[in-house]
All heavy atoms as atom14 arrays in JSON, in Angstrom:
{
  "sequence": "QALGWATLGTDTDPVAVTHARSRGLEVIEGGLEDVEGARRFDAIVGKH",
  "atom14_mask": [
    [1, 1, 1, 1, 1, 1, 1, 1, 1, 0, 0, 0, 0, 0],
    [1, 1, 1, 1, 1, 0, 0, 0, 0, 0, 0, 0, 0, 0],
    [1, 1, 1, 1, 1, 1, 1, 1, 0, 0, 0, 0, 0, 0],
    [1, 1, 1, 1, 0, 0, 0, 0, 0, 0, 0, 0, 0, 0],
    [1, 1, 1, 1, 1, 1, 1, 1, 1, 1, 1, 1, 1, 1],
    [1, 1, 1, 1, 1, 0, 0, 0, 0, 0, 0, 0, 0, 0],
    [1, 1, 1, 1, 1, 1, 1, 0, 0, 0, 0, 0, 0, 0],
    [1, 1, 1, 1, 1, 1, 1, 1, 0, 0, 0, 0, 0, 0],
    [1, 1, 1, 1, 0, 0, 0, 0, 0, 0, 0, 0, 0, 0],
    [1, 1, 1, 1, 1, 1, 1, 0, 0, 0, 0, 0, 0, 0],
    [1, 1, 1, 1, 1, 1, 1, 1, 0, 0, 0, 0, 0, 0],
    [1, 1, 1, 1, 1, 1, 1, 0, 0, 0, 0, 0, 0, 0],
    [1, 1, 1, 1, 1, 1, 1, 1, 0, 0, 0, 0, 0, 0],
    [1, 1, 1, 1, 1, 1, 1, 0, 0, 0, 0, 0, 0, 0],
    [1, 1, 1, 1, 1, 1, 1, 0, 0, 0, 0, 0, 0, 0],
    [1, 1, 1, 1, 1, 0, 0, 0, 0, 0, 0, 0, 0, 0],
    [1, 1, 1, 1, 1, 1, 1, 0, 0, 0, 0, 0, 0, 0],
    [1, 1, 1, 1, 1, 1, 1, 0, 0, 0, 0, 0, 0, 0],
    [1, 1, 1, 1, 1, 1, 1, 1, 1, 1, 0, 0, 0, 0],
    [1, 1, 1, 1, 1, 0, 0, 0, 0, 0, 0, 0, 0, 0],
    [1, 1, 1, 1, 1, 1, 1, 1, 1, 1, 1, 0, 0, 0],
    [1, 1, 1, 1, 1, 1, 0, 0, 0, 0, 0, 0, 0, 0],
    [1, 1, 1, 1, 1, 1, 1, 1, 1, 1, 1, 0, 0, 0],
    [1, 1, 1, 1, 0, 0, 0, 0, 0, 0, 0, 0, 0, 0],
    [1, 1, 1, 1, 1, 1, 1, 1, 0, 0, 0, 0, 0, 0],
    [1, 1, 1, 1, 1, 1, 1, 1, 1, 0, 0, 0, 0, 0],
    [1, 1, 1, 1, 1, 1, 1, 0, 0, 0, 0, 0, 0, 0],
    [1, 1, 1, 1, 1, 1, 1, 1, 0, 0, 0, 0, 0, 0],
    [1, 1, 1, 1, 1, 1, 1, 1, 1, 0, 0, 0, 0, 0],
    [1, 1, 1, 1, 0, 0, 0, 0, 0, 0, 0, 0, 0, 0],
    [1, 1, 1, 1, 0, 0, 0, 0, 0, 0, 0, 0, 0, 0],
    [1, 1, 1, 1, 1, 1, 1, 1, 0, 0, 0, 0, 0, 0],
    [1, 1, 1, 1, 1, 1, 1, 1, 1, 0, 0, 0, 0, 0],
    [1, 1, 1, 1, 1, 1, 1, 1, 0, 0, 0, 0, 0, 0],
    [1, 1, 1, 1, 1, 1, 1, 0, 0, 0, 0, 0, 0, 0],
    [1, 1, 1, 1, 1, 1, 1, 1, 1, 0, 0, 0, 0, 0],
    [1, 1, 1, 1, 0, 0, 0, 0, 0, 0, 0, 0, 0, 0],
    [1, 1, 1, 1, 1, 0, 0, 0, 0, 0, 0, 0, 0, 0],
    [1, 1, 1, 1, 1, 1, 1, 1, 1, 1, 1, 0, 0, 0],
    [1, 1, 1, 1, 1, 1, 1, 1, 1, 1, 1, 0, 0, 0],
    [1, 1, 1, 1, 1, 1, 1, 1, 1, 1, 1, 0, 0, 0],
    [1, 1, 1, 1, 1, 1, 1, 1, 0, 0, 0, 0, 0, 0],
    [1, 1, 1, 1, 1, 0, 0, 0, 0, 0, 0, 0, 0, 0],
    [1, 1, 1, 1, 1, 1, 1, 1, 0, 0, 0, 0, 0, 0],
    [1, 1, 1, 1, 1, 1, 1, 0, 0, 0, 0, 0, 0, 0],
    [1, 1, 1, 1, 0, 0, 0, 0, 0, 0, 0, 0, 0, 0],
    [1, 1, 1, 1, 1, 1, 1, 1, 1, 0, 0, 0, 0, 0],
    [1, 1, 1, 1, 1, 1, 1, 1, 1, 1, 0, 0, 0, 0]
  ],
  "atom14_positions": [
    [[-8.72, 2.58, -5.72], [-8.29, 1.36, -6.4], [-8.3, 1.55, -7.91], [-7.37, 1.14, -8.61], [-9.21, 0.2, -5.99], [-8.69, -1.17, -6.33], [-9.57, -2.25, -5.74], [-10.64, -2.56, -6.29], [-9.17, -2.82, -4.63], [0.0, 0.0, 0.0], [0.0, 0.0, 0.0], [0.0, 0.0, 0.0], [0.0, 0.0, 0.0], [0.0, 0.0, 0.0]],
    [[-9.34, 2.23, -8.41], [-9.41, 2.51, -9.85], [-8.3, 3.44, -10.29], [-7.9, 3.43, -11.46], [-10.78, 3.12, -10.18], [0.0, 0.0, 0.0], [0.0, 0.0, 0.0], [0.0, 0.0, 0.0], [0.0, 0.0, 0.0], [0.0, 0.0, 0.0], [0.0, 0.0, 0.0], [0.0, 0.0, 0.0], [0.0, 0.0, 0.0], [0.0, 0.0, 0.0]],
    [[-7.77, 4.25, -9.37], [-6.7, 5.18, -9.69], [-5.31, 4.59, -9.46], [-4.31, 5.31, -9.53], [-6.86, 6.46, -8.86], [-8.06, 7.33, -9.24], [-8.27, 8.45, -8.22], [-7.89, 7.92, -10.63], [0.0, 0.0, 0.0], [0.0, 0.0, 0.0], [0.0, 0.0, 0.0], [0.0, 0.0, 0.0], [0.0, 0.0, 0.0], [0.0, 0.0, 0.0]],
    [[-5.25, 3.3, -9.17], [-3.95, 2.63, -9.14], [-3.42, 2.23, -7.79], [-2.31, 1.7, -7.7], [0.0, 0.0, 0.0], [0.0, 0.0, 0.0], [0.0, 0.0, 0.0], [0.0, 0.0, 0.0], [0.0, 0.0, 0.0], [0.0, 0.0, 0.0], [0.0, 0.0, 0.0], [0.0, 0.0, 0.0], [0.0, 0.0, 0.0], [0.0, 0.0, 0.0]],
    [[-4.16, 2.46, -6.71], [-3.71, 2.07, -5.39], [-4.13, 0.64, -5.08], [-5.2, 0.19, -5.47], [-4.3, 2.99, -4.33], [-3.79, 4.4, -4.37], [-4.23, 5.41, -5.17], [-2.76, 4.95, -3.56], [-3.53, 6.57, -4.92], [-2.62, 6.32, -3.93], [-1.94, 4.45, -2.56], [-1.69, 7.16, -3.34], [-1.01, 5.29, -1.96], [-0.89, 6.64, -2.35]],
    [[-3.3, -0.08, -4.33], [-3.69, -1.33, -3.71], [-4.29, -0.98, -2.36], [-3.65, -0.29, -1.56], [-2.48, -2.26, -3.54], [0.0, 0.0, 0.0], [0.0, 0.0, 0.0], [0.0, 0.0, 0.0], [0.0, 0.0, 0.0], [0.0, 0.0, 0.0], [0.0, 0.0, 0.0], [0.0, 0.0, 0.0], [0.0, 0.0, 0.0], [0.0, 0.0, 0.0]],
    [[-5.51, -1.43, -2.09], [-6.25, -0.89, -0.95], [-6.6, -1.95, 0.08], [-6.74, -3.13, -0.21], [-7.55, -0.22, -1.42], [-8.42, -1.2, -1.99], [-7.27, 0.87, -2.44], [0.0, 0.0, 0.0], [0.0, 0.0, 0.0], [0.0, 0.0, 0.0], [0.0, 0.0, 0.0], [0.0, 0.0, 0.0], [0.0, 0.0, 0.0], [0.0, 0.0, 0.0]],
    [[-6.76, -1.46, 1.31], [-7.31, -2.23, 2.42], [-8.15, -1.28, 3.25], [-7.76, -0.12, 3.45], [-6.2, -2.85, 3.27], [-6.65, -3.58, 4.55], [-7.4, -4.87, 4.19], [-5.47, -3.89, 5.47], [0.0, 0.0, 0.0], [0.0, 0.0, 0.0], [0.0, 0.0, 0.0], [0.0, 0.0, 0.0], [0.0, 0.0, 0.0], [0.0, 0.0, 0.0]],
    [[-9.28, -1.76, 3.73], [-10.13, -0.94, 4.58], [-10.41, -1.61, 5.9], [-10.31, -2.84, 6.04], [0.0, 0.0, 0.0], [0.0, 0.0, 0.0], [0.0, 0.0, 0.0], [0.0, 0.0, 0.0], [0.0, 0.0, 0.0], [0.0, 0.0, 0.0], [0.0, 0.0, 0.0], [0.0, 0.0, 0.0], [0.0, 0.0, 0.0], [0.0, 0.0, 0.0]],
    [[-10.76, -0.8, 6.9], [-11.26, -1.32, 8.17], [-12.51, -0.54, 8.54], [-12.64, 0.65, 8.22], [-10.25, -1.19, 9.32], [-10.16, 0.18, 9.74], [-8.87, -1.68, 8.91], [0.0, 0.0, 0.0], [0.0, 0.0, 0.0], [0.0, 0.0, 0.0], [0.0, 0.0, 0.0], [0.0, 0.0, 0.0], [0.0, 0.0, 0.0], [0.0, 0.0, 0.0]],
    [[-13.43, -1.2, 9.21], [-14.59, -0.52, 9.79], [-15.16, -1.4, 10.88], [-15.17, -2.64, 10.75], [-15.66, -0.23, 8.73], [-16.55, 0.95, 9.13], [-17.38, 0.77, 10.03], [-16.37, 2.04, 8.55], [0.0, 0.0, 0.0], [0.0, 0.0, 0.0], [0.0, 0.0, 0.0], [0.0, 0.0, 0.0], [0.0, 0.0, 0.0], [0.0, 0.0, 0.0]],
    [[-15.62, -0.77, 11.95], [-16.19, -1.53, 13.07], [-17.65, -1.87, 12.86], [-18.21, -2.66, 13.61], [-16.05, -0.72, 14.37], [-16.71, 0.54, 14.22], [-14.58, -0.49, 14.72], [0.0, 0.0, 0.0], [0.0, 0.0, 0.0], [0.0, 0.0, 0.0], [0.0, 0.0, 0.0], [0.0, 0.0, 0.0], [0.0, 0.0, 0.0], [0.0, 0.0, 0.0]],
    [[-18.28, -1.29, 11.84], [-19.7, -1.5, 11.58], [-19.87, -2.71, 10.65], [-19.46, -2.66, 9.48], [-20.27, -0.24, 10.93], [-21.77, -0.32, 10.71], [-22.32, -1.43, 10.67], [-22.39, 0.75, 10.58], [0.0, 0.0, 0.0], [0.0, 0.0, 0.0], [0.0, 0.0, 0.0], [0.0, 0.0, 0.0], [0.0, 0.0, 0.0], [0.0, 0.0, 0.0]],
    [[-20.45, -3.81, 11.11], [-20.55, -5.01, 10.27], [-21.39, -4.81, 9.01], [-21.12, -5.43, 7.98], [-21.16, -6.05, 11.2], [-21.8, -5.28, 12.3], [-20.98, -4.04, 12.46], [0.0, 0.0, 0.0], [0.0, 0.0, 0.0], [0.0, 0.0, 0.0], [0.0, 0.0, 0.0], [0.0, 0.0, 0.0], [0.0, 0.0, 0.0], [0.0, 0.0, 0.0]],
    [[-22.41, -3.96, 9.09], [-23.24, -3.71, 7.91], [-22.42, -2.97, 6.85], [-22.45, -3.31, 5.66], [-24.5, -2.91, 8.28], [-25.32, -2.59, 7.02], [-25.35, -3.68, 9.28], [0.0, 0.0, 0.0], [0.0, 0.0, 0.0], [0.0, 0.0, 0.0], [0.0, 0.0, 0.0], [0.0, 0.0, 0.0], [0.0, 0.0, 0.0], [0.0, 0.0, 0.0]],
    [[-21.67, -1.96, 7.27], [-20.82, -1.23, 6.34], [-19.77, -2.14, 5.72], [-19.48, -2.06, 4.51], [-20.14, -0.06, 7.06], [0.0, 0.0, 0.0], [0.0, 0.0, 0.0], [0.0, 0.0, 0.0], [0.0, 0.0, 0.0], [0.0, 0.0, 0.0], [0.0, 0.0, 0.0], [0.0, 0.0, 0.0], [0.0, 0.0, 0.0], [0.0, 0.0, 0.0]],
    [[-19.19, -3.02, 6.53], [-18.19, -3.96, 6.03], [-18.78, -4.87, 4.96], [-18.17, -5.14, 3.92], [-17.59, -4.78, 7.19], [-16.73, -5.93, 6.66], [-16.76, -3.88, 8.09], [0.0, 0.0, 0.0], [0.0, 0.0, 0.0], [0.0, 0.0, 0.0], [0.0, 0.0, 0.0], [0.0, 0.0, 0.0], [0.0, 0.0, 0.0], [0.0, 0.0, 0.0]],
    [[-19.99, -5.34, 5.2], [-20.67, -6.19, 4.22], [-20.84, -5.45, 2.9], [-20.59, -6.0, 1.81], [-22.03, -6.64, 4.75], [-21.84, -7.43, 5.93], [-22.79, -7.46, 3.71], [0.0, 0.0, 0.0], [0.0, 0.0, 0.0], [0.0, 0.0, 0.0], [0.0, 0.0, 0.0], [0.0, 0.0, 0.0], [0.0, 0.0, 0.0], [0.0, 0.0, 0.0]],
    [[-21.28, -4.19, 2.96], [-21.46, -3.41, 1.73], [-20.12, -3.19, 1.03], [-20.04, -3.27, -0.2], [-22.11, -2.07, 2.06], [-23.55, -2.18, 2.47], [-24.38, -3.17, 2.01], [-24.32, -1.41, 3.29], [-25.58, -3.02, 2.52], [-25.58, -1.96, 3.31], [0.0, 0.0, 0.0], [0.0, 0.0, 0.0], [0.0, 0.0, 0.0], [0.0, 0.0, 0.0]],
    [[-19.08, -2.88, 1.8], [-17.77, -2.64, 1.2], [-17.24, -3.91, 0.52], [-16.7, -3.85, -0.59], [-16.79, -2.15, 2.26], [0.0, 0.0, 0.0], [0.0, 0.0, 0.0], [0.0, 0.0, 0.0], [0.0, 0.0, 0.0], [0.0, 0.0, 0.0], [0.0, 0.0, 0.0], [0.0, 0.0, 0.0], [0.0, 0.0, 0.0], [0.0, 0.0, 0.0]],
    [[-17.41, -5.04, 1.17], [-16.95, -6.3, 0.57], [-17.73, -6.65, -0.69], [-17.2, -7.3, -1.59], [-17.04, -7.42, 1.6], [-15.99, -7.32, 2.71], [-16.21, -8.35, 3.79], [-15.16, -8.3, 4.81], [-15.22, -8.95, 5.98], [-16.28, -9.71, 6.25], [-14.23, -8.85, 6.85], [0.0, 0.0, 0.0], [0.0, 0.0, 0.0], [0.0, 0.0, 0.0]],
    [[-18.99, -6.23, -0.74], [-19.79, -6.5, -1.94], [-19.25, -5.76, -3.15], [-19.58, -6.1, -4.29], [-21.25, -6.13, -1.7], [-21.44, -4.72, -1.69], [0.0, 0.0, 0.0], [0.0, 0.0, 0.0], [0.0, 0.0, 0.0], [0.0, 0.0, 0.0], [0.0, 0.0, 0.0], [0.0, 0.0, 0.0], [0.0, 0.0, 0.0], [0.0, 0.0, 0.0]],
    [[-18.41, -4.75, -2.93], [-17.75, -4.03, -4.03], [-16.5, -4.77, -4.5], [-15.83, -4.31, -5.42], [-17.34, -2.63, -3.58], [-18.48, -1.69, -3.2], [-17.89, -0.38, -2.67], [-18.88, 0.59, -2.25], [-19.36, 1.59, -3.0], [-18.94, 1.71, -4.24], [-20.24, 2.43, -2.52], [0.0, 0.0, 0.0], [0.0, 0.0, 0.0], [0.0, 0.0, 0.0]],
    [[-16.16, -5.87, -3.85], [-14.95, -6.6, -4.19], [-13.72, -6.11, -3.45], [-12.59, -6.44, -3.83], [0.0, 0.0, 0.0], [0.0, 0.0, 0.0], [0.0, 0.0, 0.0], [0.0, 0.0, 0.0], [0.0, 0.0, 0.0], [0.0, 0.0, 0.0], [0.0, 0.0, 0.0], [0.0, 0.0, 0.0], [0.0, 0.0, 0.0], [0.0, 0.0, 0.0]],
    [[-13.91, -5.34, -2.38], [-12.8, -4.78, -1.63], [-12.37, -5.7, -0.5], [-13.17, -6.47, 0.04], [-13.21, -3.43, -1.03], [-13.59, -2.33, -2.01], [-14.24, -1.17, -1.27], [-12.37, -1.85, -2.79], [0.0, 0.0, 0.0], [0.0, 0.0, 0.0], [0.0, 0.0, 0.0], [0.0, 0.0, 0.0], [0.0, 0.0, 0.0], [0.0, 0.0, 0.0]],
    [[-11.09, -5.6, -0.13], [-10.59, -6.29, 1.06], [-10.81, -5.36, 2.26], [-10.23, -4.27, 2.33], [-9.11, -6.62, 0.93], [-8.56, -7.37, 2.14], [-7.06, -7.6, 2.08], [-6.42, -7.17, 1.11], [-6.54, -8.22, 3.04], [0.0, 0.0, 0.0], [0.0, 0.0, 0.0], [0.0, 0.0, 0.0], [0.0, 0.0, 0.0], [0.0, 0.0, 0.0]],
    [[-11.65, -5.78, 3.19], [-12.01, -4.95, 4.33], [-12.01, -5.81, 5.59], [-12.57, -6.92, 5.61], [-13.4, -4.29, 4.15], [-13.77, -3.46, 5.37], [-13.4, -3.41, 2.91], [0.0, 0.0, 0.0], [0.0, 0.0, 0.0], [0.0, 0.0, 0.0], [0.0, 0.0, 0.0], [0.0, 0.0, 0.0], [0.0, 0.0, 0.0], [0.0, 0.0, 0.0]],
    [[-11.38, -5.3, 6.64], [-11.34, -5.96, 7.93], [-12.42, -5.37, 8.83], [-12.56, -4.14, 8.9], [-9.96, -5.77, 8.59], [-8.87, -6.48, 7.78], [-9.96, -6.26, 10.03], [-7.46, -6.15, 8.24], [0.0, 0.0, 0.0], [0.0, 0.0, 0.0], [0.0, 0.0, 0.0], [0.0, 0.0, 0.0], [0.0, 0.0, 0.0], [0.0, 0.0, 0.0]],
    [[-13.18, -6.22, 9.49], [-14.15, -5.72, 10.47], [-13.4, -5.47, 11.78], [-12.97, -6.4, 12.45], [-15.28, -6.72, 10.68], [-16.36, -6.21, 11.63], [-17.5, -7.17, 11.83], [-17.77, -7.98, 10.91], [-18.14, -7.13, 12.91], [0.0, 0.0, 0.0], [0.0, 0.0, 0.0], [0.0, 0.0, 0.0], [0.0, 0.0, 0.0], [0.0, 0.0, 0.0]],
    [[-13.24, -4.21, 12.11], [-12.49, -3.83, 13.31], [-11.86, -2.47, 13.12], [-12.23, -1.7, 12.22], [0.0, 0.0, 0.0], [0.0, 0.0, 0.0], [0.0, 0.0, 0.0], [0.0, 0.0, 0.0], [0.0, 0.0, 0.0], [0.0, 0.0, 0.0], [0.0, 0.0, 0.0], [0.0, 0.0, 0.0], [0.0, 0.0, 0.0], [0.0, 0.0, 0.0]],
    [[-10.9, -2.16, 13.97], [-10.21, -0.88, 13.91], [-8.79, -1.03, 13.41], [-8.37, -2.1, 12.94], [0.0, 0.0, 0.0], [0.0, 0.0, 0.0], [0.0, 0.0, 0.0], [0.0, 0.0, 0.0], [0.0, 0.0, 0.0], [0.0, 0.0, 0.0], [0.0, 0.0, 0.0], [0.0, 0.0, 0.0], [0.0, 0.0, 0.0], [0.0, 0.0, 0.0]],
    [[-8.02, 0.05, 13.52], [-6.63, 0.01, 13.09], [-5.82, -1.06, 13.82], [-4.94, -1.69, 13.24], [-5.98, 1.38, 13.33], [-6.18, 2.45, 12.27], [-5.65, 3.77, 12.75], [-5.51, 2.05, 10.96], [0.0, 0.0, 0.0], [0.0, 0.0, 0.0], [0.0, 0.0, 0.0], [0.0, 0.0, 0.0], [0.0, 0.0, 0.0], [0.0, 0.0, 0.0]],
    [[-6.14, -1.27, 15.09], [-5.39, -2.23, 15.89], [-5.58, -3.66, 15.39], [-4.81, -4.56, 15.76], [-5.81, -2.14, 17.36], [-5.52, -0.8, 18.02], [-6.67, 0.19, 17.83], [-7.54, -0.05, 16.97], [-6.68, 1.2, 18.55], [0.0, 0.0, 0.0], [0.0, 0.0, 0.0], [0.0, 0.0, 0.0], [0.0, 0.0, 0.0], [0.0, 0.0, 0.0]],
    [[-6.6, -3.88, 14.56], [-6.85, -5.23, 14.04], [-6.11, -5.51, 12.74], [-6.22, -6.62, 12.19], [-8.35, -5.41, 13.82], [-9.13, -5.35, 15.13], [-8.89, -6.2, 15.99], [-9.94, -4.42, 15.29], [0.0, 0.0, 0.0], [0.0, 0.0, 0.0], [0.0, 0.0, 0.0], [0.0, 0.0, 0.0], [0.0, 0.0, 0.0], [0.0, 0.0, 0.0]],
    [[-5.37, -4.53, 12.23], [-4.54, -4.74, 11.05], [-3.21, -5.34, 11.49], [-2.57, -4.83, 12.42], [-4.3, -3.43, 10.28], [-3.43, -3.67, 9.05], [-5.62, -2.79, 9.9], [0.0, 0.0, 0.0], [0.0, 0.0, 0.0], [0.0, 0.0, 0.0], [0.0, 0.0, 0.0], [0.0, 0.0, 0.0], [0.0, 0.0, 0.0], [0.0, 0.0, 0.0]],
    [[-2.78, -6.4, 10.85], [-1.55, -7.09, 11.23], [-0.36, -6.14, 11.16], [-0.19, -5.4, 10.19], [-1.3, -8.29, 10.31], [-2.35, -9.37, 10.42], [-2.1, -10.5, 9.42], [-1.03, -10.46, 8.76], [-2.94, -11.39, 9.33], [0.0, 0.0, 0.0], [0.0, 0.0, 0.0], [0.0, 0.0, 0.0], [0.0, 0.0, 0.0], [0.0, 0.0, 0.0]],
    [[0.47, -6.21, 12.18], [1.62, -5.32, 12.24], [2.64, -5.53, 11.15], [3.46, -4.66, 10.86], [0.0, 0.0, 0.0], [0.0, 0.0, 0.0], [0.0, 0.0, 0.0], [0.0, 0.0, 0.0], [0.0, 0.0, 0.0], [0.0, 0.0, 0.0], [0.0, 0.0, 0.0], [0.0, 0.0, 0.0], [0.0, 0.0, 0.0], [0.0, 0.0, 0.0]],
    [[2.62, -6.72, 10.51], [3.59, -7.0, 9.46], [3.26, -6.29, 8.15], [4.1, -6.18, 7.26], [3.67, -8.51, 9.21], [0.0, 0.0, 0.0], [0.0, 0.0, 0.0], [0.0, 0.0, 0.0], [0.0, 0.0, 0.0], [0.0, 0.0, 0.0], [0.0, 0.0, 0.0], [0.0, 0.0, 0.0], [0.0, 0.0, 0.0], [0.0, 0.0, 0.0]],
    [[2.04, -5.8, 8.0], [1.63, -5.13, 6.76], [2.13, -3.68, 6.8], [2.14, -3.03, 7.85], [0.12, -5.18, 6.6], [-0.42, -6.6, 6.63], [-1.91, -6.68, 6.38], [-2.23, -6.55, 4.97], [-3.39, -6.94, 4.44], [-4.32, -7.48, 5.21], [-3.62, -6.81, 3.15], [0.0, 0.0, 0.0], [0.0, 0.0, 0.0], [0.0, 0.0, 0.0]],
    [[2.54, -3.17, 5.65], [3.06, -1.81, 5.56], [2.35, -1.06, 4.43], [2.08, -1.63, 3.36], [4.57, -1.81, 5.31], [5.38, -2.28, 6.52], [5.29, -1.28, 7.67], [6.11, -1.68, 8.81], [5.69, -2.45, 9.8], [4.45, -2.9, 9.78], [6.48, -2.78, 10.79], [0.0, 0.0, 0.0], [0.0, 0.0, 0.0], [0.0, 0.0, 0.0]],
    [[2.11, 0.22, 4.66], [1.34, 1.03, 3.73], [2.09, 2.32, 3.42], [2.86, 2.83, 4.23], [-0.04, 1.35, 4.32], [-0.87, 0.13, 4.6], [-0.78, -0.53, 5.82], [-1.72, -0.38, 3.62], [-1.51, -1.68, 6.06], [-2.46, -1.52, 3.86], [-2.36, -2.17, 5.08], [0.0, 0.0, 0.0], [0.0, 0.0, 0.0], [0.0, 0.0, 0.0]],
    [[1.83, 2.82, 2.22], [2.4, 4.1, 1.82], [1.56, 5.27, 2.34], [2.07, 6.37, 2.51], [2.48, 4.17, 0.28], [3.37, 3.07, -0.27], [4.6, 3.23, -0.2], [2.84, 2.06, -0.75], [0.0, 0.0, 0.0], [0.0, 0.0, 0.0], [0.0, 0.0, 0.0], [0.0, 0.0, 0.0], [0.0, 0.0, 0.0], [0.0, 0.0, 0.0]],
    [[0.29, 5.03, 2.55], [-0.6, 6.07, 3.06], [-1.71, 5.44, 3.87], [-2.21, 4.36, 3.54], [-1.18, 6.9, 1.92], [0.0, 0.0, 0.0], [0.0, 0.0, 0.0], [0.0, 0.0, 0.0], [0.0, 0.0, 0.0], [0.0, 0.0, 0.0], [0.0, 0.0, 0.0], [0.0, 0.0, 0.0], [0.0, 0.0, 0.0], [0.0, 0.0, 0.0]],
    [[-2.09, 6.12, 4.95], [-3.26, 5.75, 5.75], [-4.15, 6.98, 5.83], [-3.68, 8.09, 6.09], [-2.87, 5.29, 7.16], [-2.01, 4.03, 7.1], [-4.1, 5.04, 8.02], [-1.5, 3.54, 8.45], [0.0, 0.0, 0.0], [0.0, 0.0, 0.0], [0.0, 0.0, 0.0], [0.0, 0.0, 0.0], [0.0, 0.0, 0.0], [0.0, 0.0, 0.0]],
    [[-5.45, 6.79, 5.56], [-6.37, 7.92, 5.55], [-7.55, 7.64, 6.46], [-7.98, 6.5, 6.64], [-6.87, 8.22, 4.11], [-5.71, 8.59, 3.21], [-7.65, 7.05, 3.53], [0.0, 0.0, 0.0], [0.0, 0.0, 0.0], [0.0, 0.0, 0.0], [0.0, 0.0, 0.0], [0.0, 0.0, 0.0], [0.0, 0.0, 0.0], [0.0, 0.0, 0.0]],
    [[-8.08, 8.7, 7.04], [-9.28, 8.62, 7.87], [-10.15, 9.83, 7.61], [-9.79, 10.95, 7.98], [0.0, 0.0, 0.0], [0.0, 0.0, 0.0], [0.0, 0.0, 0.0], [0.0, 0.0, 0.0], [0.0, 0.0, 0.0], [0.0, 0.0, 0.0], [0.0, 0.0, 0.0], [0.0, 0.0, 0.0], [0.0, 0.0, 0.0], [0.0, 0.0, 0.0]],
    [[-11.28, 9.63, 6.95], [-12.18, 10.7, 6.58], [-13.3, 10.82, 7.61], [-14.21, 10.0, 7.66], [-12.76, 10.42, 5.19], [-13.66, 11.5, 4.65], [-14.15, 11.12, 3.26], [-15.05, 12.2, 2.66], [-15.53, 11.82, 1.31], [0.0, 0.0, 0.0], [0.0, 0.0, 0.0], [0.0, 0.0, 0.0], [0.0, 0.0, 0.0], [0.0, 0.0, 0.0]],
    [[-13.19, 11.83, 8.46], [-14.16, 12.06, 9.52], [-14.41, 10.77, 10.31], [-15.54, 10.33, 10.48], [-15.47, 12.62, 8.95], [-15.37, 14.08, 8.64], [-15.77, 15.06, 9.52], [-14.85, 14.72, 7.57], [-15.54, 16.26, 8.99], [-14.96, 16.07, 7.8], [0.0, 0.0, 0.0], [0.0, 0.0, 0.0], [0.0, 0.0, 0.0], [0.0, 0.0, 0.0]]
  ]
}
């Protein structure tokens, strides 16, 4: 986000989601299937 991307995150772990949201990030609790199909992205990443 600091490097210029508009970001969205997902994670199934509610504790992790809480920490991510505390950074001011938009994060969905769930997996990829929980992201609305109408949204479109230039890149999707999954680190381990």
